[in-house]
Amino acid sequence: MRIPKTPVEFDYDLWTTEDGKCMVRVKATGEVTEVDRDVMRLLRAEEKKLRRSMTGVPISGCEDETATLLSLDYVSYPGGEDMEPSWLMNPISMEDEVITGMLEAEFVKTLTDYQREIYEVCMKGGMRASDFARSHGVDYSTVRDMKRLIIKKSKKFFRVPPKTEN
């Protein structure tokens, strides 16, 4: 089996087997392990970022000189050769996702058991309030009011300023 080459500066070799398994080898230790698709996607994004950051190609006949690569990967304005265009950047920030998850977990702890159930099932899970009310034998207005209370509580918790009408 042939393993694709990754840049020397990149710490891992990445490949997918014929049966769809995502494999990673740590270059420093030679350790090989199977990873899930999300991890593979993240590592491939890092590898691509590293490849894009390597600018310049050797000029034939000149030692130790490189020319700037002309590519759609770079911004097309003077002095912007070192910048990546925003449409190439990974829109998902793992740090933001982790922080958001931690904040949400803290917020959920402030809810009562009944509020937590409505939050998880209706607000996060997408079940309609009327369906939730019917399945739990309560009036729709009770669930609706509870959802409003949860939203009010979340605005206080996350310190969202109230809307001002113009």
Protein backbone atom coordinates (compact mmCIF):
# COMPACT_ATOMS: atom_id res chain seq x y z
CA MET A 1 0.00 0.00 0.00
CA ARG A 2 1.33 3.45 -0.98
CA ILE A 3 1.03 6.24 1.57
CA PRO A 4 0.73 9.75 0.08
CA LYS A 5 3.52 12.19 0.90
CA THR A 6 2.83 15.07 3.23
CA PRO A 7 5.08 18.11 3.67
CA VAL A 8 8.19 17.47 5.77
CA GLU A 9 7.06 20.16 8.23
CA PHE A 10 3.75 18.33 8.83
CA ASP A 11 3.92 15.91 11.78
CA TYR A 12 1.64 13.21 10.33
CA ASP A 13 1.15 11.01 7.27
CA LEU A 14 -2.54 10.74 6.33
CA TRP A 15 -4.27 8.17 4.16
CA THR A 16 -7.53 6.31 3.66
CA THR A 17 -7.58 2.55 3.14
CA GLU A 18 -9.55 0.75 0.42
CA ASP A 19 -12.25 -0.14 2.95
CA GLY A 20 -12.68 3.54 3.96
CA LYS A 21 -10.69 3.62 7.22
CA CYS A 22 -8.91 6.90 7.98
CA MET A 23 -5.34 6.23 9.04
CA VAL A 24 -2.69 8.50 10.59
CA ARG A 25 1.00 7.84 11.20
CA VAL A 26 2.91 10.05 13.62
CA LYS A 27 6.19 10.79 11.83
CA ALA A 28 8.22 11.22 15.03
CA THR A 29 7.30 7.82 16.54
CA GLY A 30 6.09 5.83 13.54
CA GLU A 31 2.89 4.99 15.42
CA VAL A 32 -0.07 4.23 13.13
CA THR A 33 -3.67 4.57 14.27
CA GLU A 34 -7.17 4.70 12.87
CA VAL A 35 -9.06 7.96 13.43
CA ASP A 36 -12.64 9.03 12.78
CA ARG A 37 -13.59 11.17 9.78
CA ASP A 38 -13.86 14.42 11.78
CA VAL A 39 -10.28 14.09 13.02
CA MET A 40 -9.12 13.25 9.49
CA ARG A 41 -10.92 16.32 8.11
CA LEU A 42 -9.27 18.52 10.72
CA LEU A 43 -5.79 17.11 10.00
CA ARG A 44 -6.29 17.49 6.23
CA ALA A 45 -7.33 21.12 6.75
CA GLU A 46 -4.13 21.72 8.76
CA GLU A 47 -2.07 20.02 6.05
CA LYS A 48 -3.66 22.20 3.35
CA LYS A 49 -3.04 25.32 5.44
CA LEU A 50 0.62 24.33 5.73
CA ARG A 51 0.89 23.67 1.99
CA ARG A 52 -0.67 27.05 1.19
CA SER A 53 1.73 28.82 3.51
CA MET A 54 4.71 27.51 1.55
CA THR A 55 5.15 30.16 -1.10
CA GLY A 56 7.62 30.20 -3.92
CA VAL A 57 8.87 27.80 -6.55
CA PRO A 58 12.50 27.35 -7.58
CA ILE A 59 13.60 29.42 -10.58
CA SER A 60 15.36 27.23 -13.12
CA GLY A 61 19.03 28.13 -13.53
CA CYS A 62 19.19 30.20 -10.32
CA GLU A 63 20.28 28.64 -7.06
CA ASP A 64 18.49 29.51 -3.81
CA GLU A 65 16.01 31.83 -5.52
CA THR A 66 12.27 31.38 -5.70
CA ALA A 67 9.46 33.14 -7.50
CA THR A 68 6.09 33.88 -5.99
CA LEU A 69 3.51 31.31 -6.95
CA LEU A 70 0.66 32.76 -8.96
CA SER A 71 -2.45 31.08 -7.67
CA LEU A 72 -6.10 31.72 -6.96
CA ASP A 73 -5.27 30.79 -3.38
CA TYR A 74 -4.00 34.31 -2.70
CA VAL A 75 -5.61 37.72 -2.47
CA SER A 76 -5.21 39.72 -5.66
CA TYR A 77 -4.10 43.12 -4.43
CA PRO A 78 -0.57 44.54 -4.02
CA GLY A 79 1.15 43.17 -0.95
CA GLY A 80 -1.54 40.54 -0.39
CA GLU A 81 0.49 37.56 -1.56
CA ASP A 82 0.93 36.29 1.98
CA MET A 83 -2.74 36.42 2.86
CA GLU A 84 -5.35 33.75 2.33
CA PRO A 85 -8.72 34.86 0.97
CA SER A 86 -11.55 34.53 3.45
CA TRP A 87 -13.38 31.97 1.31
CA LEU A 88 -10.48 29.53 1.72
CA MET A 89 -10.34 29.79 5.48
CA ASN A 90 -11.91 27.10 7.60
CA PRO A 91 -15.12 28.66 8.99
CA ILE A 92 -15.21 26.24 11.91
CA SER A 93 -13.15 27.17 14.93
CA MET A 94 -12.68 24.26 17.30
CA GLU A 95 -11.93 26.67 20.14
CA ASP A 96 -15.24 28.48 19.64
CA GLU A 97 -17.13 25.18 19.55
CA VAL A 98 -15.54 23.98 22.79
CA ILE A 99 -16.18 27.28 24.58
CA THR A 100 -19.78 27.37 23.35
CA GLY A 101 -20.32 23.80 24.52
CA MET A 102 -18.92 24.60 27.96
CA LEU A 103 -21.06 27.74 28.28
CA GLU A 104 -24.15 25.83 27.18
CA ALA A 105 -23.47 23.08 29.74
CA GLU A 106 -23.18 25.73 32.48
CA PHE A 107 -26.44 27.34 31.33
CA VAL A 108 -28.29 24.01 31.28
CA LYS A 109 -27.28 23.47 34.93
CA THR A 110 -29.28 26.60 35.84
CA LEU A 111 -32.51 25.14 34.43
CA THR A 112 -35.05 23.10 36.39
CA ASP A 113 -35.60 19.49 35.29
CA TYR A 114 -38.78 20.45 33.40
CA GLN A 115 -37.08 23.44 31.74
CA ARG A 116 -34.11 21.26 30.83
CA GLU A 117 -36.41 18.73 29.16
CA ILE A 118 -38.18 21.43 27.15
CA TYR A 119 -34.82 22.95 26.21
CA GLU A 120 -33.36 19.63 25.05
CA VAL A 121 -36.47 18.29 23.29
CA CYS A 122 -38.11 21.42 21.85
CA MET A 123 -35.52 24.14 21.59
CA LYS A 124 -32.51 22.03 20.74
CA GLY A 125 -34.16 18.91 19.34
CA GLY A 126 -36.74 20.70 17.21
CA MET A 127 -39.98 19.16 18.55
CA ARG A 128 -42.94 21.51 18.28
CA ALA A 129 -44.27 22.88 21.56
CA SER A 130 -47.77 21.58 20.78
CA ASP A 131 -46.42 18.04 20.21
CA PHE A 132 -44.44 18.21 23.45
CA ALA A 133 -47.52 19.45 25.35
CA ARG A 134 -49.68 16.67 23.89
CA SER A 135 -47.14 13.95 24.70
CA HIS A 136 -46.75 15.18 28.29
CA GLY A 137 -50.43 15.87 28.94
CA VAL A 138 -50.02 19.60 29.58
CA ASP A 139 -51.52 22.67 27.98
CA TYR A 140 -49.69 24.20 25.01
CA SER A 141 -49.55 27.61 26.72
CA THR A 142 -47.59 26.07 29.61
CA VAL A 143 -44.87 24.85 27.24
CA ARG A 144 -44.91 28.13 25.30
CA ASP A 145 -44.52 30.15 28.51
CA MET A 146 -41.74 27.85 29.70
CA LYS A 147 -39.88 28.35 26.40
CA ARG A 148 -40.18 32.12 26.83
CA LEU A 149 -38.84 31.82 30.37
CA ILE A 150 -35.88 29.74 29.15
CA ILE A 151 -35.09 32.36 26.49
CA LYS A 152 -35.30 35.13 29.10
CA LYS A 153 -33.03 33.14 31.41
CA SER A 154 -30.54 32.51 28.59
CA LYS A 155 -30.39 36.22 27.73
CA LYS A 156 -29.57 36.99 31.36
CA PHE A 157 -27.03 34.18 31.52
CA PHE A 158 -25.29 35.12 28.27
CA ARG A 159 -25.77 38.87 28.89
CA VAL A 160 -27.52 39.61 25.60
CA PRO A 161 -28.60 43.27 25.54
CA PRO A 162 -32.32 43.80 24.86
CA LYS A 163 -33.41 44.81 21.35
CA THR A 164 -34.02 48.51 20.82
CA GLU A 165 -36.61 49.44 18.27
CA ASN A 166 -35.62 52.16 15.83
